[in-house]
């Protein structure tokens, strides 16, 4: 077995000629090519300074990218809220205009209602006077039809009083 000055471990590959298995080891010329170099850091699991710096750099880049995405998300949310606020202000103005128009219509209707109530009261008084006159005329016609002179005079006086 030839010994290698660069590696203390020598590798062998099993040989198979198709007639079963042959377990006789065959030396591989370059042991370093067959396996990675064995170092103290690899064996113990300790990272080298380059590995730590690489991970730190990747983490820094990742954090910056995450912060950029977060700021962009926050800006989109803020823009959405501003658009919603503008839309709500426009809706509020529209509703205020509609309320103002409705109040104006209510004022007009209330005024018209007051006028109609006053007219209804005046017509009611005129109807009451007309009903009394009709009753007096009815009494006058009844008295003239033969009930007597005194009754006719009373009916005429009653009719004059209501005029």
N, C-alpha and C. Protein backbone atom coordinates (compact mmCIF):
# COMPACT_ATOMS: atom_id res chain seq x y z
N UNK A 1 0.82 -1.16 0.00
CA UNK A 1 0.00 0.00 0.00
C UNK A 1 0.87 1.23 0.00
N UNK A 2 0.78 2.04 -1.03
CA UNK A 2 1.60 3.23 -1.05
C UNK A 2 1.00 4.28 -0.14
N UNK A 3 1.81 5.01 0.52
CA UNK A 3 1.32 6.02 1.44
C UNK A 3 1.44 7.38 0.80
N UNK A 4 0.48 8.21 1.11
CA UNK A 4 0.44 9.55 0.52
C UNK A 4 0.91 10.54 1.56
N UNK A 5 1.69 11.49 1.12
CA UNK A 5 2.22 12.46 2.07
C UNK A 5 1.19 13.55 2.37
N UNK A 6 0.21 13.80 1.45
CA UNK A 6 -0.75 14.88 1.67
C UNK A 6 -1.94 14.43 2.47
N UNK A 7 -2.25 13.13 2.46
CA UNK A 7 -3.41 12.67 3.23
C UNK A 7 -3.03 11.45 4.03
N UNK A 8 -3.54 11.40 5.23
CA UNK A 8 -3.23 10.28 6.08
C UNK A 8 -4.20 9.14 5.87
N UNK A 9 -5.26 9.36 5.11
CA UNK A 9 -6.26 8.34 4.84
C UNK A 9 -6.14 7.94 3.39
N UNK A 10 -6.15 6.63 3.13
CA UNK A 10 -6.08 6.15 1.77
C UNK A 10 -7.41 5.50 1.44
N UNK A 11 -7.98 5.81 0.26
CA UNK A 11 -9.28 5.27 -0.12
C UNK A 11 -9.11 4.13 -1.08
N UNK A 12 -10.06 3.20 -1.01
CA UNK A 12 -10.07 2.05 -1.89
C UNK A 12 -11.46 1.90 -2.49
N UNK A 13 -11.52 1.35 -3.71
CA UNK A 13 -12.80 1.09 -4.35
C UNK A 13 -12.92 -0.40 -4.58
N UNK A 14 -14.06 -1.01 -4.32
CA UNK A 14 -14.22 -2.45 -4.56
C UNK A 14 -14.22 -2.74 -6.06
N UNK A 15 -13.73 -3.92 -6.43
CA UNK A 15 -13.62 -4.29 -7.83
C UNK A 15 -14.58 -5.43 -8.10
N UNK A 16 -15.36 -5.34 -9.23
CA UNK A 16 -16.33 -6.36 -9.58
C UNK A 16 -16.15 -6.67 -11.06
N UNK A 17 -15.85 -7.94 -11.37
CA UNK A 17 -15.64 -8.33 -12.76
C UNK A 17 -16.83 -9.09 -13.30
N UNK A 18 -17.95 -9.08 -12.62
CA UNK A 18 -19.14 -9.76 -13.09
C UNK A 18 -19.25 -11.19 -12.63
N UNK A 19 -18.27 -11.72 -11.89
CA UNK A 19 -18.30 -13.11 -11.43
C UNK A 19 -18.50 -13.16 -9.93
N UNK A 20 -19.47 -12.44 -9.44
CA UNK A 20 -19.63 -12.40 -8.00
C UNK A 20 -19.01 -11.12 -7.48
N UNK A 21 -18.68 -11.13 -6.24
CA UNK A 21 -18.10 -9.92 -5.67
C UNK A 21 -16.67 -10.18 -5.28
N UNK A 22 -15.89 -9.24 -5.54
CA UNK A 22 -14.49 -9.31 -5.14
C UNK A 22 -14.29 -8.20 -4.13
N UNK A 23 -13.86 -8.55 -2.98
CA UNK A 23 -13.71 -7.56 -1.93
C UNK A 23 -12.28 -7.08 -1.79
N UNK A 24 -11.49 -7.38 -2.77
CA UNK A 24 -10.10 -6.92 -2.70
C UNK A 24 -10.05 -5.43 -2.99
N UNK A 25 -9.51 -4.66 -2.11
CA UNK A 25 -9.47 -3.22 -2.32
C UNK A 25 -8.49 -2.84 -3.40
N UNK A 26 -8.90 -1.85 -4.20
CA UNK A 26 -8.04 -1.29 -5.23
C UNK A 26 -7.77 0.14 -4.82
N UNK A 27 -6.54 0.54 -4.69
CA UNK A 27 -6.26 1.92 -4.25
C UNK A 27 -6.66 2.95 -5.31
N UNK A 28 -7.21 4.05 -4.86
CA UNK A 28 -7.54 5.19 -5.72
C UNK A 28 -6.35 6.12 -5.65
N UNK A 29 -5.93 6.57 -6.83
CA UNK A 29 -4.70 7.34 -6.91
C UNK A 29 -4.77 8.65 -6.14
N UNK A 30 -5.87 9.43 -6.34
CA UNK A 30 -5.95 10.74 -5.70
C UNK A 30 -7.00 10.68 -4.60
N UNK A 31 -6.63 10.54 -3.37
CA UNK A 31 -7.54 10.45 -2.23
C UNK A 31 -8.23 11.78 -1.98
N UNK A 32 -7.60 12.89 -2.31
CA UNK A 32 -8.19 14.22 -2.09
C UNK A 32 -9.37 14.42 -3.03
N UNK A 33 -9.35 13.85 -4.23
CA UNK A 33 -10.45 14.01 -5.17
C UNK A 33 -11.66 13.19 -4.75
N UNK A 34 -11.47 12.12 -4.02
CA UNK A 34 -12.56 11.24 -3.63
C UNK A 34 -13.38 11.83 -2.51
N UNK A 35 -12.84 12.64 -1.64
CA UNK A 35 -13.59 13.19 -0.53
C UNK A 35 -13.09 14.60 -0.23
N UNK A 36 -13.93 15.42 0.38
CA UNK A 36 -13.50 16.78 0.71
C UNK A 36 -12.42 16.75 1.77
N UNK A 37 -11.60 17.79 1.80
CA UNK A 37 -10.54 17.81 2.81
C UNK A 37 -11.13 17.87 4.21
N UNK A 38 -10.54 17.21 5.10
CA UNK A 38 -10.99 17.17 6.48
C UNK A 38 -10.26 18.26 7.24
N UNK A 39 -11.05 19.19 7.80
CA UNK A 39 -10.45 20.27 8.60
C UNK A 39 -11.06 20.23 9.98
N UNK A 40 -10.46 20.95 10.89
CA UNK A 40 -10.98 21.00 12.26
C UNK A 40 -12.36 21.66 12.29
N UNK A 41 -12.58 22.70 11.48
CA UNK A 41 -13.85 23.41 11.47
C UNK A 41 -14.95 22.51 10.93
N UNK A 42 -14.64 21.71 9.90
CA UNK A 42 -15.64 20.83 9.31
C UNK A 42 -16.03 19.73 10.29
N UNK A 43 -15.10 19.20 10.96
CA UNK A 43 -15.34 18.10 11.88
C UNK A 43 -16.15 18.57 13.08
N UNK A 44 -15.80 19.70 13.65
CA UNK A 44 -16.44 20.18 14.86
C UNK A 44 -17.75 20.89 14.55
N UNK A 45 -17.96 21.40 13.33
CA UNK A 45 -19.17 22.13 12.99
C UNK A 45 -19.02 23.61 13.22
N UNK A 46 -17.83 24.11 13.33
CA UNK A 46 -17.56 25.53 13.54
C UNK A 46 -17.46 26.19 12.19
N UNK A 47 -18.10 27.37 12.05
CA UNK A 47 -18.08 28.09 10.80
C UNK A 47 -16.84 28.96 10.71
N UNK A 48 -16.40 29.13 9.51
CA UNK A 48 -15.25 30.01 9.31
C UNK A 48 -15.73 31.45 9.27
N UNK A 49 -14.81 32.38 9.32
CA UNK A 49 -15.15 33.80 9.31
C UNK A 49 -15.84 34.17 8.00
N UNK A 50 -15.42 33.57 6.90
CA UNK A 50 -16.05 33.86 5.61
C UNK A 50 -17.50 33.39 5.59
N UNK A 51 -17.77 32.21 6.18
CA UNK A 51 -19.14 31.71 6.25
C UNK A 51 -20.01 32.65 7.09
N UNK A 52 -19.51 33.09 8.22
CA UNK A 52 -20.26 33.98 9.10
C UNK A 52 -20.52 35.30 8.40
N UNK A 53 -19.49 35.85 7.75
CA UNK A 53 -19.65 37.11 7.03
C UNK A 53 -20.65 36.97 5.89
N UNK A 54 -20.63 35.85 5.19
CA UNK A 54 -21.56 35.60 4.09
C UNK A 54 -23.00 35.53 4.59
N UNK A 55 -23.19 34.80 5.68
CA UNK A 55 -24.53 34.70 6.24
C UNK A 55 -25.00 36.06 6.75
N UNK A 56 -24.12 36.79 7.37
CA UNK A 56 -24.47 38.12 7.89
C UNK A 56 -24.87 39.04 6.73
N UNK A 57 -24.13 38.98 5.64
CA UNK A 57 -24.43 39.80 4.48
C UNK A 57 -25.77 39.41 3.86
N UNK A 58 -26.00 38.09 3.72
CA UNK A 58 -27.28 37.62 3.18
C UNK A 58 -28.45 38.04 4.08
N UNK A 59 -28.26 37.94 5.39
CA UNK A 59 -29.30 38.34 6.34
C UNK A 59 -29.56 39.85 6.24
N UNK A 60 -28.50 40.63 6.10
CA UNK A 60 -28.63 42.08 5.97
C UNK A 60 -29.41 42.43 4.71
N UNK A 61 -29.07 41.78 3.60
CA UNK A 61 -29.76 42.02 2.34
C UNK A 61 -31.23 41.61 2.46
N UNK A 62 -31.46 40.45 3.07
CA UNK A 62 -32.83 39.96 3.26
C UNK A 62 -33.63 40.92 4.13
N UNK A 63 -33.03 41.41 5.20
CA UNK A 63 -33.73 42.36 6.08
C UNK A 63 -34.04 43.67 5.36
N UNK A 64 -33.11 44.14 4.56
CA UNK A 64 -33.35 45.38 3.81
C UNK A 64 -34.49 45.19 2.82
N UNK A 65 -34.49 44.05 2.16
CA UNK A 65 -35.56 43.76 1.19
C UNK A 65 -36.90 43.64 1.89
N UNK A 66 -36.92 42.98 3.03
CA UNK A 66 -38.15 42.84 3.82
C UNK A 66 -38.65 44.21 4.28
N UNK A 67 -37.74 45.06 4.74
CA UNK A 67 -38.12 46.41 5.18
C UNK A 67 -38.66 47.21 4.00
N UNK A 68 -38.05 47.06 2.82
CA UNK A 68 -38.53 47.75 1.63
C UNK A 68 -39.95 47.31 1.28
N UNK A 69 -40.19 45.99 1.32
CA UNK A 69 -41.54 45.49 1.05
C UNK A 69 -42.54 45.99 2.08
N UNK A 70 -42.11 46.02 3.34
CA UNK A 70 -42.98 46.51 4.41
C UNK A 70 -43.33 47.97 4.21
N UNK A 71 -42.35 48.79 3.85
CA UNK A 71 -42.62 50.21 3.59
C UNK A 71 -43.57 50.38 2.40
N UNK A 72 -43.36 49.58 1.37
CA UNK A 72 -44.24 49.65 0.19
C UNK A 72 -45.66 49.25 0.56
N UNK A 73 -45.80 48.19 1.37
CA UNK A 73 -47.12 47.76 1.83
C UNK A 73 -47.79 48.85 2.65
N UNK A 74 -47.03 49.45 3.54
CA UNK A 74 -47.55 50.52 4.38
C UNK A 74 -47.98 51.71 3.53
N UNK A 75 -47.20 52.06 2.51
CA UNK A 75 -47.54 53.18 1.63
C UNK A 75 -48.81 52.88 0.85
N UNK A 76 -48.95 51.63 0.34
CA UNK A 76 -50.17 51.26 -0.38
C UNK A 76 -51.38 51.36 0.55
N UNK A 77 -51.23 50.89 1.78
CA UNK A 77 -52.32 50.95 2.76
C UNK A 77 -52.69 52.41 3.04
N UNK A 78 -51.69 53.26 3.21
CA UNK A 78 -51.93 54.68 3.46
C UNK A 78 -52.63 55.32 2.26
N UNK A 79 -52.19 54.99 1.05
CA UNK A 79 -52.84 55.53 -0.15
C UNK A 79 -54.29 55.07 -0.23
N UNK A 80 -54.53 53.79 0.10
CA UNK A 80 -55.91 53.27 0.09
C UNK A 80 -56.77 54.02 1.11
N UNK A 81 -56.23 54.26 2.30
CA UNK A 81 -56.98 54.97 3.33
C UNK A 81 -57.27 56.41 2.91
N UNK A 82 -56.29 57.06 2.27
CA UNK A 82 -56.52 58.43 1.80
C UNK A 82 -57.60 58.46 0.72
N UNK A 83 -57.57 57.50 -0.19
CA UNK A 83 -58.60 57.43 -1.24
C UNK A 83 -59.97 57.19 -0.61
N UNK A 84 -60.04 56.30 0.39
CA UNK A 84 -61.30 56.03 1.07
C UNK A 84 -61.80 57.29 1.78
N UNK A 85 -60.90 58.01 2.44
CA UNK A 85 -61.29 59.24 3.14
C UNK A 85 -61.83 60.27 2.15
N UNK A 86 -61.18 60.42 1.01
CA UNK A 86 -61.65 61.36 -0.02
C UNK A 86 -63.03 60.95 -0.53
N UNK A 87 -63.20 59.66 -0.75
CA UNK A 87 -64.49 59.15 -1.22
C UNK A 87 -65.58 59.40 -0.18
N UNK A 88 -65.27 59.16 1.08
CA UNK A 88 -66.25 59.38 2.14
C UNK A 88 -66.59 60.87 2.28
N UNK A 89 -65.57 61.74 2.13
CA UNK A 89 -65.85 63.18 2.19
C UNK A 89 -66.78 63.58 1.05
N UNK A 90 -66.55 63.05 -0.15
CA UNK A 90 -67.43 63.34 -1.28
C UNK A 90 -68.84 62.83 -1.02
N UNK A 91 -68.95 61.65 -0.48
CA UNK A 91 -70.27 61.09 -0.14
C UNK A 91 -70.97 61.93 0.92
N UNK A 92 -70.20 62.42 1.88
CA UNK A 92 -70.78 63.25 2.94
C UNK A 92 -71.30 64.56 2.34
N UNK A 93 -70.53 65.17 1.43
CA UNK A 93 -70.99 66.40 0.78
C UNK A 93 -72.27 66.15 -0.01
N UNK A 94 -72.31 65.04 -0.72
CA UNK A 94 -73.50 64.71 -1.51
C UNK A 94 -74.71 64.52 -0.59
N UNK A 95 -74.52 63.79 0.52
CA UNK A 95 -75.62 63.58 1.45
C UNK A 95 -76.06 64.89 2.10
N UNK A 96 -75.11 65.76 2.43
CA UNK A 96 -75.46 67.06 3.02
C UNK A 96 -76.29 67.88 2.04
N UNK A 97 -75.94 67.84 0.75
CA UNK A 97 -76.71 68.56 -0.26
C UNK A 97 -78.13 67.98 -0.37
N UNK A 98 -78.22 66.65 -0.31
CA UNK A 98 -79.54 66.01 -0.39
C UNK A 98 -80.38 66.35 0.83
N UNK A 99 -79.76 66.40 2.02
CA UNK A 99 -80.49 66.77 3.25
C UNK A 99 -80.98 68.21 3.14
N UNK A 100 -80.11 69.10 2.64
CA UNK A 100 -80.50 70.50 2.49
C UNK A 100 -81.70 70.63 1.54
N UNK A 101 -81.65 69.92 0.42
CA UNK A 101 -82.75 69.96 -0.55
C UNK A 101 -84.04 69.41 0.08
N UNK A 102 -83.91 68.31 0.84
CA UNK A 102 -85.09 67.72 1.48
C UNK A 102 -85.67 68.68 2.52
N UNK A 103 -84.81 69.36 3.28
CA UNK A 103 -85.31 70.32 4.27
C UNK A 103 -86.01 71.49 3.58
N UNK A 104 -85.48 71.93 2.45
CA UNK A 104 -86.14 73.00 1.70
C UNK A 104 -87.51 72.56 1.23
N UNK A 105 -87.60 71.33 0.73
CA UNK A 105 -88.90 70.81 0.30
C UNK A 105 -89.86 70.68 1.48
N UNK A 106 -89.35 70.25 2.64
CA UNK A 106 -90.19 70.14 3.83
C UNK A 106 -90.73 71.51 4.23
N UNK A 107 -89.89 72.54 4.17
CA UNK A 107 -90.32 73.89 4.51
C UNK A 107 -91.44 74.34 3.57
N UNK A 108 -91.27 74.07 2.27
CA UNK A 108 -92.29 74.44 1.29
C UNK A 108 -93.59 73.71 1.58
N UNK A 109 -93.49 72.41 1.86
CA UNK A 109 -94.69 71.60 2.12
C UNK A 109 -95.37 72.07 3.40
N UNK A 110 -94.59 72.39 4.45
CA UNK A 110 -95.19 72.87 5.70
C UNK A 110 -95.91 74.20 5.48
N UNK A 111 -95.31 75.09 4.69
CA UNK A 111 -95.96 76.37 4.40
C UNK A 111 -97.26 76.14 3.63
N UNK A 112 -97.21 75.26 2.62
CA UNK A 112 -98.42 74.95 1.86
C UNK A 112 -99.47 74.32 2.76
N UNK A 113 -99.04 73.48 3.68
CA UNK A 113 -99.97 72.84 4.60
C UNK A 113 -100.64 73.87 5.51
N UNK A 114 -99.85 74.83 5.99
CA UNK A 114 -100.43 75.89 6.82
C UNK A 114 -101.47 76.69 6.04
N UNK A 115 -101.16 77.01 4.78
CA UNK A 115 -102.12 77.73 3.95
C UNK A 115 -103.39 76.91 3.75
N UNK A 116 -103.23 75.62 3.50
CA UNK A 116 -104.40 74.77 3.30
C UNK A 116 -105.24 74.64 4.57
N UNK A 117 -104.59 74.58 5.72
CA UNK A 117 -105.34 74.52 6.99
C UNK A 117 -106.13 75.81 7.22
N UNK A 118 -105.49 76.95 6.91
CA UNK A 118 -106.19 78.23 7.07
C UNK A 118 -107.38 78.30 6.11
N UNK A 119 -107.18 77.85 4.88
CA UNK A 119 -108.28 77.84 3.91
C UNK A 119 -109.39 76.89 4.35
N UNK A 120 -109.00 75.72 4.91
CA UNK A 120 -109.99 74.76 5.39
C UNK A 120 -110.79 75.35 6.55
N UNK A 121 -110.13 76.09 7.45
CA UNK A 121 -110.84 76.72 8.57
C UNK A 121 -111.82 77.77 8.05
N UNK A 122 -111.38 78.58 7.08
CA UNK A 122 -112.27 79.60 6.51
C UNK A 122 -113.46 78.95 5.81
N UNK A 123 -113.21 77.88 5.06
CA UNK A 123 -114.31 77.18 4.39
C UNK A 123 -115.25 76.53 5.40
N UNK A 124 -114.70 76.04 6.48
CA UNK A 124 -115.53 75.43 7.52
C UNK A 124 -116.47 76.48 8.13
N UNK A 125 -115.94 77.69 8.38
CA UNK A 125 -116.78 78.77 8.93
C UNK A 125 -117.86 79.16 7.91
N UNK A 126 -117.48 79.25 6.64
CA UNK A 126 -118.46 79.60 5.62
C UNK A 126 -119.53 78.52 5.49
N UNK A 127 -119.12 77.25 5.62
CA UNK A 127 -120.08 76.15 5.55
C UNK A 127 -121.05 76.20 6.72
N UNK A 128 -120.51 76.52 7.90
CA UNK A 128 -121.38 76.61 9.08
C UNK A 128 -122.40 77.73 8.89
N UNK A 129 -121.98 78.87 8.38
CA UNK A 129 -122.90 79.98 8.13
C UNK A 129 -123.92 79.57 7.07
N UNK A 130 -123.48 78.91 6.02
CA UNK A 130 -124.39 78.48 4.96
C UNK A 130 -125.39 77.46 5.48
N UNK A 131 -124.96 76.58 6.36
CA UNK A 131 -125.86 75.57 6.93
C UNK A 131 -126.92 76.24 7.79
N UNK A 132 -126.56 77.27 8.57
CA UNK A 132 -127.54 77.98 9.39
C UNK A 132 -128.53 78.75 8.51
N UNK A 133 -128.02 79.34 7.44
CA UNK A 133 -128.90 80.04 6.52
C UNK A 133 -129.89 79.08 5.86
N UNK A 134 -129.37 77.92 5.48
CA UNK A 134 -130.24 76.92 4.85
C UNK A 134 -131.31 76.47 5.84
N UNK A 135 -130.94 76.30 7.06
CA UNK A 135 -131.90 75.89 8.10
C UNK A 135 -132.93 76.99 8.30
N UNK A 136 -132.48 78.25 8.33
CA UNK A 136 -133.39 79.37 8.52
C UNK A 136 -134.32 79.50 7.33
N UNK A 137 -133.79 79.32 6.11
CA UNK A 137 -134.64 79.37 4.93
C UNK A 137 -135.66 78.24 4.94
N UNK A 138 -135.24 77.09 5.37
CA UNK A 138 -136.14 75.95 5.47
C UNK A 138 -137.27 76.28 6.45
N UNK A 139 -136.91 76.91 7.57
CA UNK A 139 -137.93 77.29 8.55
C UNK A 139 -138.84 78.37 7.96
N UNK A 140 -138.25 79.29 7.21
CA UNK A 140 -139.03 80.37 6.60
C UNK A 140 -140.04 79.80 5.59
N UNK A 141 -139.59 78.86 4.78
CA UNK A 141 -140.50 78.25 3.80
C UNK A 141 -141.59 77.45 4.51
N UNK A 142 -141.22 76.80 5.59
CA UNK A 142 -142.22 76.03 6.34
C UNK A 142 -143.24 76.98 6.96
N UNK A 143 -142.79 78.12 7.46
CA UNK A 143 -143.71 79.10 8.08
C UNK A 143 -144.60 79.72 7.02
N UNK A 144 -144.04 79.98 5.87
CA UNK A 144 -144.82 80.58 4.80
C UNK A 144 -145.83 79.60 4.25
N UNK A 145 -145.60 78.36 4.43
CA UNK A 145 -146.50 77.34 3.88
C UNK A 145 -147.77 77.22 4.71
N UNK A 146 -147.88 77.98 5.75
CA UNK A 146 -149.15 77.93 6.44
C UNK A 146 -149.06 77.67 7.90
N UNK A 147 -147.94 77.82 8.46
CA UNK A 147 -147.88 77.59 9.89
C UNK A 147 -148.34 78.83 10.66
N UNK A 148 -148.33 79.94 10.09
CA UNK A 148 -148.83 81.13 10.77
C UNK A 148 -147.87 82.28 10.59
N UNK A 149 -148.33 83.47 10.88
CA UNK A 149 -147.57 84.67 10.66
C UNK A 149 -146.48 84.84 11.69
N UNK A 150 -146.71 84.46 12.93
CA UNK A 150 -145.70 84.62 13.97
C UNK A 150 -144.48 83.77 13.72
N UNK A 151 -144.68 82.64 13.26
CA UNK A 151 -143.58 81.73 13.00
C UNK A 151 -142.76 82.25 11.84
N UNK A 152 -143.41 82.80 10.85
CA UNK A 152 -142.70 83.34 9.70
C UNK A 152 -141.81 84.50 10.10
N UNK A 153 -142.31 85.37 10.96
CA UNK A 153 -141.55 86.53 11.41
C UNK A 153 -140.34 86.09 12.23
N UNK A 154 -140.51 85.06 13.04
CA UNK A 154 -139.39 84.53 13.84
C UNK A 154 -138.33 83.93 12.92
N UNK A 155 -138.74 83.23 11.92
CA UNK A 155 -137.81 82.61 10.99
C UNK A 155 -137.07 83.69 10.21
N UNK A 156 -137.76 84.74 9.82
CA UNK A 156 -137.11 85.83 9.08
C UNK A 156 -136.11 86.55 9.98
N UNK A 157 -136.46 86.76 11.23
CA UNK A 157 -135.55 87.42 12.17
C UNK A 157 -134.32 86.56 12.41
N UNK A 158 -134.51 85.28 12.49
CA UNK A 158 -133.38 84.36 12.68
C UNK A 158 -132.46 84.40 11.46
N UNK A 159 -133.04 84.47 10.28
CA UNK A 159 -132.26 84.51 9.05
C UNK A 159 -131.46 85.80 8.96
N UNK A 160 -132.02 86.91 9.40
CA UNK A 160 -131.34 88.19 9.37
C UNK A 160 -130.19 88.20 10.39
N UNK A 161 -130.38 87.56 11.50
CA UNK A 161 -129.34 87.54 12.54
C UNK A 161 -128.10 86.77 12.07
N UNK A 162 -128.26 85.78 11.27
CA UNK A 162 -127.13 84.96 10.79
C UNK A 162 -126.40 85.58 9.62
N UNK A 163 -126.92 86.62 9.05
CA UNK A 163 -126.32 87.23 7.87
C UNK A 163 -125.09 87.98 8.16
